[in-house]
Amino acid sequence: MTVLERPRHGALIAGVCAGIANRFGWRVGLVRLVFVLSCVLPGPQFLIYLGLWLLMPRAGDDFRWS
């Protein structure tokens, strides 16, 4: 498995779904579809997305959580 990070290429909005898909070896389209379908249900999906956008480093950045 790879590091959880937002890719510089292949991102539609912020790269959160692409980063999750790359980390776990899933298809990017599947992760995006699950996120969009989950938005129909009540819950904090958008807040979680925004939080991951802020917490996940971009690919190639020197900063790493230790």
PDB file of N, CA and C in Angstrom:
ATOM      1  N   MET A   1       0.835  -1.189   0.000  1.00  0.00           N
ATOM      2  CA  MET A   1       0.000   0.000   0.000  1.00  0.00           C
ATOM      3  C   MET A   1       0.874   1.245   0.000  1.00  0.00           C
ATOM      4  N   THR A   2       0.318   2.289  -0.521  1.00  0.00           N
ATOM      5  CA  THR A   2       1.054   3.544  -0.606  1.00  0.00           C
ATOM      6  C   THR A   2       0.641   4.474   0.528  1.00  0.00           C
ATOM      7  N   VAL A   3       1.231   5.627   0.548  1.00  0.00           N
ATOM      8  CA  VAL A   3       0.942   6.639   1.555  1.00  0.00           C
ATOM      9  C   VAL A   3      -0.368   7.332   1.204  1.00  0.00           C
ATOM     10  N   LEU A   4      -1.111   7.743   2.219  1.00  0.00           N
ATOM     11  CA  LEU A   4      -2.353   8.474   1.996  1.00  0.00           C
ATOM     12  C   LEU A   4      -2.006   9.923   1.685  1.00  0.00           C
ATOM     13  N   GLU A   5      -2.112  10.287   0.397  1.00  0.00           N
ATOM     14  CA  GLU A   5      -1.803  11.637  -0.047  1.00  0.00           C
ATOM     15  C   GLU A   5      -2.658  11.964  -1.254  1.00  0.00           C
ATOM     16  N   ARG A   6      -2.854  13.262  -1.488  1.00  0.00           N
ATOM     17  CA  ARG A   6      -3.648  13.712  -2.630  1.00  0.00           C
ATOM     18  C   ARG A   6      -2.744  13.803  -3.852  1.00  0.00           C
ATOM     19  N   PRO A   7      -3.106  13.128  -4.950  1.00  0.00           N
ATOM     20  CA  PRO A   7      -2.265  13.183  -6.145  1.00  0.00           C
ATOM     21  C   PRO A   7      -2.320  14.552  -6.816  1.00  0.00           C
ATOM     22  N   ARG A   8      -1.248  14.892  -7.497  1.00  0.00           N
ATOM     23  CA  ARG A   8      -1.200  16.166  -8.230  1.00  0.00           C
ATOM     24  C   ARG A   8      -1.948  16.067  -9.560  1.00  0.00           C
ATOM     25  N   HIS A   9      -2.050  14.874 -10.116  1.00  0.00           N
ATOM     26  CA  HIS A   9      -2.725  14.669 -11.403  1.00  0.00           C
ATOM     27  C   HIS A   9      -3.854  13.657 -11.220  1.00  0.00           C
ATOM     28  N   GLY A  10      -4.947  13.852 -11.907  1.00  0.00           N
ATOM     29  CA  GLY A  10      -6.069  12.937 -11.828  1.00  0.00           C
ATOM     30  C   GLY A  10      -7.104  13.316 -10.782  1.00  0.00           C
ATOM     31  N   ALA A  11      -6.975  14.487 -10.202  1.00  0.00           N
ATOM     32  CA  ALA A  11      -7.931  14.950  -9.202  1.00  0.00           C
ATOM     33  C   ALA A  11      -9.029  15.763  -9.872  1.00  0.00           C
ATOM     34  N   LEU A  12     -10.263  15.575  -9.437  1.00  0.00           N
ATOM     35  CA  LEU A  12     -11.357  16.380  -9.983  1.00  0.00           C
ATOM     36  C   LEU A  12     -11.546  17.666  -9.185  1.00  0.00           C
ATOM     37  N   ILE A  13     -11.618  17.553  -7.876  1.00  0.00           N
ATOM     38  CA  ILE A  13     -11.789  18.747  -7.040  1.00  0.00           C
ATOM     39  C   ILE A  13     -10.524  18.969  -6.229  1.00  0.00           C
ATOM     40  N   ALA A  14     -10.314  18.118  -5.228  1.00  0.00           N
ATOM     41  CA  ALA A  14      -9.136  18.283  -4.373  1.00  0.00           C
ATOM     42  C   ALA A  14      -8.237  17.050  -4.384  1.00  0.00           C
ATOM     43  N   GLY A  15      -8.718  15.951  -4.951  1.00  0.00           N
ATOM     44  CA  GLY A  15      -7.917  14.738  -5.000  1.00  0.00           C
ATOM     45  C   GLY A  15      -8.113  13.815  -3.809  1.00  0.00           C
ATOM     46  N   VAL A  16      -9.100  14.101  -2.968  1.00  0.00           N
ATOM     47  CA  VAL A  16      -9.327  13.271  -1.784  1.00  0.00           C
ATOM     48  C   VAL A  16      -9.762  11.867  -2.194  1.00  0.00           C
ATOM     49  N   CYS A  17     -10.731  11.748  -3.059  1.00  0.00           N
ATOM     50  CA  CYS A  17     -11.200  10.422  -3.491  1.00  0.00           C
ATOM     51  C   CYS A  17     -10.103   9.672  -4.232  1.00  0.00           C
ATOM     52  N   ALA A  18      -9.345  10.370  -5.065  1.00  0.00           N
ATOM     53  CA  ALA A  18      -8.240   9.730  -5.780  1.00  0.00           C
ATOM     54  C   ALA A  18      -7.156   9.262  -4.814  1.00  0.00           C
ATOM     55  N   GLY A  19      -6.893  10.040  -3.792  1.00  0.00           N
ATOM     56  CA  GLY A  19      -5.898   9.649  -2.794  1.00  0.00           C
ATOM     57  C   GLY A  19      -6.327   8.432  -2.006  1.00  0.00           C
ATOM     58  N   ILE A  20      -7.599   8.371  -1.630  1.00  0.00           N
ATOM     59  CA  ILE A  20      -8.122   7.203  -0.911  1.00  0.00           C
ATOM     60  C   ILE A  20      -8.055   5.968  -1.806  1.00  0.00           C
ATOM     61  N   ALA A  21      -8.442   6.128  -3.065  1.00  0.00           N
ATOM     62  CA  ALA A  21      -8.407   4.998  -4.000  1.00  0.00           C
ATOM     63  C   ALA A  21      -6.976   4.499  -4.209  1.00  0.00           C
ATOM     64  N   ASN A  22      -6.033   5.401  -4.377  1.00  0.00           N
ATOM     65  CA  ASN A  22      -4.635   4.999  -4.563  1.00  0.00           C
ATOM     66  C   ASN A  22      -4.091   4.300  -3.326  1.00  0.00           C
ATOM     67  N   ARG A  23      -4.451   4.778  -2.151  1.00  0.00           N
ATOM     68  CA  ARG A  23      -3.943   4.217  -0.895  1.00  0.00           C
ATOM     69  C   ARG A  23      -4.374   2.774  -0.701  1.00  0.00           C
ATOM     70  N   PHE A  24      -5.640   2.480  -1.019  1.00  0.00           N
ATOM     71  CA  PHE A  24      -6.179   1.152  -0.774  1.00  0.00           C
ATOM     72  C   PHE A  24      -6.238   0.267  -2.017  1.00  0.00           C
ATOM     73  N   GLY A  25      -5.796   0.786  -3.163  1.00  0.00           N
ATOM     74  CA  GLY A  25      -5.776  -0.006  -4.387  1.00  0.00           C
ATOM     75  C   GLY A  25      -7.140  -0.193  -5.024  1.00  0.00           C
ATOM     76  N   TRP A  26      -8.048   0.726  -4.764  1.00  0.00           N
ATOM     77  CA  TRP A  26      -9.381   0.668  -5.341  1.00  0.00           C
ATOM     78  C   TRP A  26      -9.431   1.516  -6.602  1.00  0.00           C
ATOM     79  N   ARG A  27     -10.502   1.335  -7.391  1.00  0.00           N
ATOM     80  CA  ARG A  27     -10.698   2.163  -8.574  1.00  0.00           C
ATOM     81  C   ARG A  27     -11.201   3.534  -8.147  1.00  0.00           C
ATOM     82  N   VAL A  28     -10.666   4.573  -8.764  1.00  0.00           N
ATOM     83  CA  VAL A  28     -11.018   5.953  -8.402  1.00  0.00           C
ATOM     84  C   VAL A  28     -12.501   6.215  -8.661  1.00  0.00           C
ATOM     85  N   GLY A  29     -13.005   5.738  -9.776  1.00  0.00           N
ATOM     86  CA  GLY A  29     -14.411   5.950 -10.106  1.00  0.00           C
ATOM     87  C   GLY A  29     -15.350   5.351  -9.068  1.00  0.00           C
ATOM     88  N   LEU A  30     -14.972   4.217  -8.509  1.00  0.00           N
ATOM     89  CA  LEU A  30     -15.794   3.575  -7.489  1.00  0.00           C
ATOM     90  C   LEU A  30     -15.836   4.411  -6.212  1.00  0.00           C
ATOM     91  N   VAL A  31     -14.700   4.939  -5.791  1.00  0.00           N
ATOM     92  CA  VAL A  31     -14.652   5.774  -4.586  1.00  0.00           C
ATOM     93  C   VAL A  31     -15.464   7.045  -4.798  1.00  0.00           C
ATOM     94  N   ARG A  32     -15.359   7.649  -5.971  1.00  0.00           N
ATOM     95  CA  ARG A  32     -16.136   8.855  -6.265  1.00  0.00           C
ATOM     96  C   ARG A  32     -17.631   8.559  -6.281  1.00  0.00           C
ATOM     97  N   LEU A  33     -18.016   7.425  -6.870  1.00  0.00           N
ATOM     98  CA  LEU A  33     -19.420   7.039  -6.919  1.00  0.00           C
ATOM     99  C   LEU A  33     -19.974   6.812  -5.521  1.00  0.00           C
ATOM    100  N   VAL A  34     -19.225   6.121  -4.670  1.00  0.00           N
ATOM    101  CA  VAL A  34     -19.667   5.879  -3.296  1.00  0.00           C
ATOM    102  C   VAL A  34     -19.823   7.206  -2.551  1.00  0.00           C
ATOM    103  N   PHE A  35     -18.898   8.132  -2.752  1.00  0.00           N
ATOM    104  CA  PHE A  35     -19.012   9.437  -2.084  1.00  0.00           C
ATOM    105  C   PHE A  35     -20.259  10.187  -2.545  1.00  0.00           C
ATOM    106  N   VAL A  36     -20.494  10.223  -3.842  1.00  0.00           N
ATOM    107  CA  VAL A  36     -21.657  10.951  -4.369  1.00  0.00           C
ATOM    108  C   VAL A  36     -22.948  10.305  -3.876  1.00  0.00           C
ATOM    109  N   LEU A  37     -23.009   8.970  -3.895  1.00  0.00           N
ATOM    110  CA  LEU A  37     -24.211   8.295  -3.399  1.00  0.00           C
ATOM    111  C   LEU A  37     -24.401   8.505  -1.900  1.00  0.00           C
ATOM    112  N   SER A  38     -23.303   8.592  -1.153  1.00  0.00           N
ATOM    113  CA  SER A  38     -23.418   8.809   0.289  1.00  0.00           C
ATOM    114  C   SER A  38     -23.948  10.205   0.607  1.00  0.00           C
ATOM    115  N   CYS A  39     -23.813  11.123  -0.311  1.00  0.00           N
ATOM    116  CA  CYS A  39     -24.307  12.485  -0.077  1.00  0.00           C
ATOM    117  C   CYS A  39     -25.834  12.529  -0.040  1.00  0.00           C
ATOM    118  N   VAL A  40     -26.481  11.497  -0.549  1.00  0.00           N
ATOM    119  CA  VAL A  40     -27.941  11.417  -0.489  1.00  0.00           C
ATOM    120  C   VAL A  40     -28.384  11.141   0.947  1.00  0.00           C
ATOM    121  N   LEU A  41     -27.552  10.434   1.709  1.00  0.00           N
ATOM    122  CA  LEU A  41     -27.870  10.093   3.089  1.00  0.00           C
ATOM    123  C   LEU A  41     -27.514  11.262   4.009  1.00  0.00           C
ATOM    124  N   PRO A  42     -28.210  11.376   5.130  1.00  0.00           N
ATOM    125  CA  PRO A  42     -27.850  12.436   6.072  1.00  0.00           C
ATOM    126  C   PRO A  42     -26.525  12.107   6.750  1.00  0.00           C
ATOM    127  N   GLY A  43     -25.759  13.128   6.992  1.00  0.00           N
ATOM    128  CA  GLY A  43     -24.480  12.923   7.660  1.00  0.00           C
ATOM    129  C   GLY A  43     -23.476  14.001   7.295  1.00  0.00           C
ATOM    130  N   PRO A  44     -22.299  13.928   7.880  1.00  0.00           N
ATOM    131  CA  PRO A  44     -21.282  14.970   7.699  1.00  0.00           C
ATOM    132  C   PRO A  44     -20.305  14.692   6.550  1.00  0.00           C
ATOM    133  N   GLN A  45     -20.781  14.165   5.436  1.00  0.00           N
ATOM    134  CA  GLN A  45     -19.886  13.795   4.341  1.00  0.00           C
ATOM    135  C   GLN A  45     -19.053  14.970   3.840  1.00  0.00           C
ATOM    136  N   PHE A  46     -19.674  16.113   3.656  1.00  0.00           N
ATOM    137  CA  PHE A  46     -18.944  17.259   3.128  1.00  0.00           C
ATOM    138  C   PHE A  46     -17.913  17.773   4.133  1.00  0.00           C
ATOM    139  N   LEU A  47     -18.249  17.722   5.404  1.00  0.00           N
ATOM    140  CA  LEU A  47     -17.286  18.141   6.422  1.00  0.00           C
ATOM    141  C   LEU A  47     -16.097  17.186   6.485  1.00  0.00           C
ATOM    142  N   ILE A  48     -16.358  15.903   6.346  1.00  0.00           N
ATOM    143  CA  ILE A  48     -15.267  14.919   6.322  1.00  0.00           C
ATOM    144  C   ILE A  48     -14.385  15.152   5.101  1.00  0.00           C
ATOM    145  N   TYR A  49     -15.006  15.407   3.941  1.00  0.00           N
ATOM    146  CA  TYR A  49     -14.240  15.685   2.725  1.00  0.00           C
ATOM    147  C   TYR A  49     -13.356  16.922   2.916  1.00  0.00           C
ATOM    148  N   LEU A  50     -13.933  17.978   3.468  1.00  0.00           N
ATOM    149  CA  LEU A  50     -13.160  19.205   3.692  1.00  0.00           C
ATOM    150  C   LEU A  50     -12.030  18.967   4.692  1.00  0.00           C
ATOM    151  N   GLY A  51     -12.305  18.195   5.728  1.00  0.00           N
ATOM    152  CA  GLY A  51     -11.268  17.868   6.701  1.00  0.00           C
ATOM    153  C   GLY A  51     -10.133  17.074   6.083  1.00  0.00           C
ATOM    154  N   LEU A  52     -10.476  16.085   5.252  1.00  0.00           N
ATOM    155  CA  LEU A  52      -9.426  15.316   4.575  1.00  0.00           C
ATOM    156  C   LEU A  52      -8.653  16.186   3.599  1.00  0.00           C
ATOM    157  N   TRP A  53      -9.333  17.127   2.955  1.00  0.00           N
ATOM    158  CA  TRP A  53      -8.667  18.049   2.039  1.00  0.00           C
ATOM    159  C   TRP A  53      -7.587  18.835   2.787  1.00  0.00           C
ATOM    160  N   LEU A  54      -7.898  19.238   4.001  1.00  0.00           N
ATOM    161  CA  LEU A  54      -6.936  20.003   4.792  1.00  0.00           C
ATOM    162  C   LEU A  54      -5.835  19.131   5.386  1.00  0.00           C
ATOM    163  N   LEU A  55      -6.152  17.893   5.767  1.00  0.00           N
ATOM    164  CA  LEU A  55      -5.196  17.043   6.472  1.00  0.00           C
ATOM    165  C   LEU A  55      -4.307  16.194   5.564  1.00  0.00           C
ATOM    166  N   MET A  56      -4.818  15.807   4.400  1.00  0.00           N
ATOM    167  CA  MET A  56      -4.031  14.954   3.498  1.00  0.00           C
ATOM    168  C   MET A  56      -2.999  15.804   2.760  1.00  0.00           C
ATOM    169  N   PRO A  57      -1.729  15.435   2.850  1.00  0.00           N
ATOM    170  CA  PRO A  57      -0.712  16.198   2.116  1.00  0.00           C
ATOM    171  C   PRO A  57      -0.800  15.918   0.616  1.00  0.00           C
ATOM    172  N   ARG A  58      -0.368  16.872  -0.180  1.00  0.00           N
ATOM    173  CA  ARG A  58      -0.302  16.673  -1.630  1.00  0.00           C
ATOM    174  C   ARG A  58       0.894  15.801  -1.956  1.00  0.00           C
ATOM    175  N   ALA A  59       0.779  15.008  -2.985  1.00  0.00           N
ATOM    176  CA  ALA A  59       1.876  14.145  -3.421  1.00  0.00           C
ATOM    177  C   ALA A  59       3.075  14.994  -3.784  1.00  0.00           C
ATOM    178  N   GLY A  60       4.233  14.590  -3.326  1.00  0.00           N
ATOM    179  CA  GLY A  60       5.457  15.316  -3.638  1.00  0.00           C
ATOM    180  C   GLY A  60       5.843  16.349  -2.615  1.00  0.00           C
ATOM    181  N   ASP A  61       4.946  16.700  -1.687  1.00  0.00           N
ATOM    182  CA  ASP A  61       5.306  17.637  -0.635  1.00  0.00           C
ATOM    183  C   ASP A  61       6.257  16.954   0.336  1.00  0.00           C
ATOM    184  N   ASP A  62       7.159  17.713   0.925  1.00  0.00           N
ATOM    185  CA  ASP A  62       8.159  17.154   1.833  1.00  0.00           C
ATOM    186  C   ASP A  62       7.577  16.813   3.199  1.00  0.00           C
ATOM    187  N   PHE A  63       6.482  17.464   3.582  1.00  0.00           N
ATOM    188  CA  PHE A  63       5.912  17.266   4.915  1.00  0.00           C
ATOM    189  C   PHE A  63       5.272  15.882   5.019  1.00  0.00           C
ATOM    190  N   ARG A  64       5.575  15.153   6.079  1.00  0.00           N
ATOM    191  CA  ARG A  64       4.951  13.859   6.351  1.00  0.00           C
ATOM    192  C   ARG A  64       4.567  13.810   7.825  1.00  0.00           C
ATOM    193  N   TRP A  65       3.400  13.232   8.106  1.00  0.00           N
ATOM    194  CA  TRP A  65       3.006  13.016   9.502  1.00  0.00           C
ATOM    195  C   TRP A  65       3.917  11.953  10.084  1.00  0.00           C
ATOM    196  N   SER A  66       4.419  12.172  11.298  1.00  0.00           N
ATOM    197  CA  SER A  66       5.267  11.150  11.902  1.00  0.00           C
ATOM    198  C   SER A  66       4.721  10.682  13.213  1.00  0.00           C
TER     199      SER A  66
END
